[in-house]
Amino acid sequence: MIAFLLFWLHIFLRPTQDADARDDNSLLQAFRSSLNPAPLGVLFNRYIHIVFGICMKYLKEESAAEDATMQIFEVLVEKVPQHEIDNFGGWLATVSRNHCLMQLRKQQSLQKRESDFRHHSPVENMEWGADSHLTEEERMAELDAMRTAMQQLKPEQRTCLELFFLEECSYQEVMKRTGWDYKAVKSHIQNGKRNLKKLMLDL
């Protein structure tokens, strides 16, 4: 859960973390004066349970909430010098909510693009073996033909198409499993889909 975050902060901030009794405003001023992240880390550690709770509320998954909590600390390093903050706890809660909402919007946008793209057939009137009008034998034959054609694609294109269409991985999952960035994955899928259509029409 959040234990690894506390451990990271403990290693990063010691020996001042446990002994620092300065109030929130004093720690903010210390950070602004020196831009040393240690005072900000002490301050963040006081509210980390609130930040993590907000992230869990919006993102639902523990690993996503942990990642977002760390990202929010990085955001603070940039945002704090740019804002006048009277109530750090309340301001941090707002920053945390906004960060989570932005993450959700990005995720929803990506899912919509994937859904729109996934439902465009690589061959006219063919939905990657999912056409409800086909018999089971026809559907399996279609999939076999598609897999055969895939073997003629470039390895990068074949890998992305297999993950995205056959295993129904999201863009993020394809990126994680291949190590390629979003732009590369999108390019391999688009080019692979276009090339596969040509290959299947020639079968």
Protein backbone atom coordinates (compact mmCIF):
# COMPACT_ATOMS: atom_id res chain seq x y z
CA MET A 1 0.00 0.00 0.00
CA ILE A 2 1.43 3.33 1.05
CA ALA A 3 4.29 1.85 3.08
CA PHE A 4 6.79 2.10 0.23
CA LEU A 5 6.04 5.82 -0.12
CA LEU A 6 6.71 6.42 3.53
CA PHE A 7 9.92 4.40 3.26
CA TRP A 8 11.04 6.48 0.26
CA LEU A 9 10.32 9.71 2.09
CA HIS A 10 12.14 8.46 5.17
CA ILE A 11 15.27 7.67 3.18
CA PHE A 12 15.03 10.89 1.19
CA LEU A 13 14.44 13.22 4.12
CA ARG A 14 16.42 11.84 7.04
CA PRO A 15 17.61 12.96 9.47
CA THR A 16 15.32 16.01 9.52
CA GLN A 17 12.04 14.23 8.92
CA ASP A 18 11.24 13.04 12.43
CA ALA A 19 12.71 15.99 14.29
CA ASP A 20 11.33 18.84 12.16
CA ALA A 21 8.62 20.61 14.16
CA ARG A 22 8.21 23.63 11.88
CA ASP A 23 4.66 24.52 10.91
CA ASP A 24 3.38 24.25 7.35
CA ASN A 25 4.04 27.87 6.42
CA SER A 26 7.61 27.73 7.73
CA LEU A 27 8.33 24.63 5.67
CA LEU A 28 6.82 26.25 2.58
CA GLN A 29 8.99 29.29 3.08
CA ALA A 30 12.08 27.14 3.59
CA PHE A 31 11.42 25.35 0.32
CA ARG A 32 10.75 28.57 -1.59
CA SER A 33 13.94 30.14 -0.24
CA SER A 34 16.27 27.29 -1.09
CA LEU A 35 14.33 25.12 -3.57
CA ASN A 36 15.70 22.21 -1.57
CA PRO A 37 12.95 19.55 -1.76
CA ALA A 38 13.60 18.26 1.77
CA PRO A 39 11.30 20.77 3.58
CA LEU A 40 8.60 20.13 1.00
CA GLY A 41 9.05 16.41 1.51
CA VAL A 42 8.55 16.81 5.27
CA LEU A 43 5.38 18.78 4.58
CA PHE A 44 4.12 16.30 2.01
CA ASN A 45 4.73 13.44 4.42
CA ARG A 46 2.28 15.04 6.87
CA TYR A 47 -0.51 14.81 4.31
CA ILE A 48 0.50 11.76 2.31
CA HIS A 49 -2.33 9.65 3.76
CA ILE A 50 -4.85 12.24 2.56
CA VAL A 51 -3.29 12.40 -0.91
CA PHE A 52 -3.27 8.61 -1.20
CA GLY A 53 -6.88 8.44 0.00
CA ILE A 54 -7.99 10.92 -2.67
CA CYS A 55 -6.09 9.00 -5.34
CA MET A 56 -7.73 5.73 -4.27
CA LYS A 57 -11.17 7.38 -4.33
CA TYR A 58 -10.77 8.49 -7.93
CA LEU A 59 -8.44 5.92 -9.48
CA LYS A 60 -9.74 2.86 -7.56
CA GLU A 61 -6.61 0.75 -8.07
CA GLU A 62 -3.86 0.70 -5.45
CA SER A 63 -0.95 0.69 -7.91
CA ALA A 64 -2.46 3.60 -9.85
CA ALA A 65 -3.01 5.51 -6.59
CA GLU A 66 0.59 4.90 -5.52
CA ASP A 67 1.93 6.15 -8.86
CA ALA A 68 -0.32 9.21 -8.72
CA THR A 69 0.79 10.01 -5.15
CA MET A 70 4.42 10.06 -6.25
CA GLN A 71 3.54 12.13 -9.32
CA ILE A 72 1.73 14.68 -7.15
CA PHE A 73 4.86 15.21 -5.05
CA GLU A 74 6.77 15.90 -8.27
CA VAL A 75 4.02 18.34 -9.31
CA LEU A 76 4.38 20.20 -6.01
CA VAL A 77 8.04 20.92 -6.67
CA GLU A 78 6.93 22.93 -9.71
CA LYS A 79 3.63 24.36 -8.44
CA VAL A 80 4.48 25.53 -4.93
CA PRO A 81 6.80 28.38 -6.01
CA GLN A 82 4.09 29.60 -8.40
CA HIS A 83 1.24 29.93 -5.88
CA GLU A 84 0.39 31.81 -2.71
CA ILE A 85 -0.75 29.09 -0.30
CA ASP A 86 -2.59 29.96 2.90
CA ASN A 87 -3.84 26.47 3.75
CA PHE A 88 -1.44 23.84 2.45
CA GLY A 89 -3.63 20.86 3.37
CA GLY A 90 -6.67 22.20 1.53
CA TRP A 91 -4.62 23.37 -1.43
CA LEU A 92 -2.88 19.97 -1.67
CA ALA A 93 -6.24 18.18 -1.63
CA THR A 94 -7.39 20.32 -4.57
CA VAL A 95 -4.15 19.64 -6.47
CA SER A 96 -4.57 15.91 -5.80
CA ARG A 97 -8.17 15.84 -7.03
CA ASN A 98 -7.30 17.81 -10.15
CA HIS A 99 -4.39 15.48 -10.90
CA CYS A 100 -6.62 12.40 -10.58
CA LEU A 101 -9.35 13.93 -12.74
CA MET A 102 -6.79 14.77 -15.40
CA GLN A 103 -5.52 11.17 -15.30
CA LEU A 104 -9.07 9.87 -15.70
CA ARG A 105 -9.75 12.19 -18.63
CA LYS A 106 -6.58 10.99 -20.36
CA GLN A 107 -7.56 7.39 -19.72
CA GLN A 108 -11.10 7.91 -21.05
CA SER A 109 -9.78 9.70 -24.12
CA LEU A 110 -7.35 6.88 -24.82
CA GLN A 111 -10.06 4.25 -24.32
CA LYS A 112 -12.36 6.09 -26.73
CA ARG A 113 -9.65 6.28 -29.39
CA GLU A 114 -8.94 2.58 -28.89
CA SER A 115 -12.64 1.69 -29.11
CA ASP A 116 -13.11 3.75 -32.28
CA PHE A 117 -10.02 2.25 -33.83
CA ARG A 118 -10.71 -1.32 -32.74
CA HIS A 119 -14.14 -1.33 -34.39
CA HIS A 120 -12.86 -0.39 -37.84
CA SER A 121 -12.40 -3.53 -39.91
CA PRO A 122 -9.00 -4.28 -41.50
CA VAL A 123 -10.96 -5.74 -44.41
CA GLU A 124 -14.33 -4.49 -45.68
CA ASN A 125 -17.20 -5.79 -43.52
CA MET A 126 -14.90 -7.89 -41.34
CA GLU A 127 -14.59 -7.24 -37.58
CA TRP A 128 -11.50 -9.27 -36.76
CA GLY A 129 -13.35 -12.52 -36.34
CA ALA A 130 -16.11 -11.00 -34.24
CA ASP A 131 -18.83 -10.72 -36.96
CA SER A 132 -22.03 -12.08 -35.39
CA HIS A 133 -23.32 -13.22 -38.82
CA LEU A 134 -20.51 -15.73 -39.25
CA THR A 135 -20.79 -19.35 -38.19
CA GLU A 136 -18.26 -20.66 -35.71
CA GLU A 137 -16.40 -22.50 -38.48
CA GLU A 138 -16.32 -19.37 -40.66
CA ARG A 139 -15.13 -17.28 -37.76
CA MET A 140 -12.30 -19.71 -36.97
CA ALA A 141 -11.32 -19.86 -40.65
CA GLU A 142 -11.25 -16.07 -40.73
CA LEU A 143 -9.00 -15.95 -37.68
CA ASP A 144 -6.68 -18.59 -39.16
CA ALA A 145 -6.43 -16.58 -42.39
CA MET A 146 -5.67 -13.43 -40.41
CA ARG A 147 -2.95 -15.15 -38.37
CA THR A 148 -1.41 -16.54 -41.57
CA ALA A 149 -1.35 -13.08 -43.12
CA MET A 150 0.11 -11.61 -39.93
CA GLN A 151 3.20 -13.77 -40.31
CA GLN A 152 4.12 -11.73 -43.38
CA LEU A 153 4.08 -8.43 -41.48
CA LYS A 154 7.12 -6.76 -39.98
CA PRO A 155 7.76 -8.16 -36.47
CA GLU A 156 6.87 -4.87 -34.76
CA GLN A 157 3.57 -4.59 -36.61
CA ARG A 158 2.71 -8.24 -36.02
CA THR A 159 3.43 -7.99 -32.30
CA CYS A 160 1.28 -4.89 -31.83
CA LEU A 161 -1.64 -6.28 -33.84
CA GLU A 162 -1.60 -9.58 -31.97
CA LEU A 163 -1.60 -7.81 -28.62
CA PHE A 164 -4.11 -5.13 -29.52
CA PHE A 165 -6.64 -7.11 -31.55
CA LEU A 166 -6.23 -10.77 -30.66
CA GLU A 167 -5.38 -10.39 -26.96
CA GLU A 168 -7.44 -7.17 -26.69
CA CYS A 169 -4.71 -5.31 -24.82
CA SER A 170 -5.06 -1.57 -24.33
CA TYR A 171 -2.49 0.83 -25.78
CA GLN A 172 -0.97 1.15 -22.32
CA GLU A 173 -0.70 -2.63 -21.98
CA VAL A 174 0.92 -2.91 -25.42
CA MET A 175 3.36 -0.16 -24.46
CA LYS A 176 4.19 -1.91 -21.20
CA ARG A 177 4.70 -5.33 -22.80
CA THR A 178 6.75 -4.11 -25.74
CA GLY A 179 8.63 -1.20 -24.20
CA TRP A 180 7.63 1.07 -27.09
CA ASP A 181 6.13 4.51 -26.58
CA TYR A 182 2.61 5.54 -27.57
CA LYS A 183 3.64 7.05 -30.90
CA ALA A 184 5.50 3.90 -31.95
CA VAL A 185 2.66 1.57 -30.89
CA LYS A 186 0.08 3.66 -32.73
CA SER A 187 2.24 3.71 -35.87
CA HIS A 188 2.85 -0.06 -35.81
CA ILE A 189 -0.87 -0.77 -35.37
CA GLN A 190 -2.01 1.61 -38.11
CA ASN A 191 0.63 0.46 -40.60
CA GLY A 192 0.12 -3.17 -39.65
CA LYS A 193 -3.63 -2.90 -40.09
CA ARG A 194 -3.25 -1.32 -43.54
CA ASN A 195 -0.69 -3.92 -44.66
CA LEU A 196 -2.73 -6.78 -43.25
CA LYS A 197 -5.78 -5.67 -45.21
CA LYS A 198 -3.77 -5.83 -48.43
CA LEU A 199 -2.37 -9.25 -47.56
CA MET A 200 -5.76 -10.72 -46.72
CA LEU A 201 -7.33 -9.44 -49.92
CA ASP A 202 -4.62 -11.34 -51.80
CA LEU A 203 -5.30 -14.64 -50.02
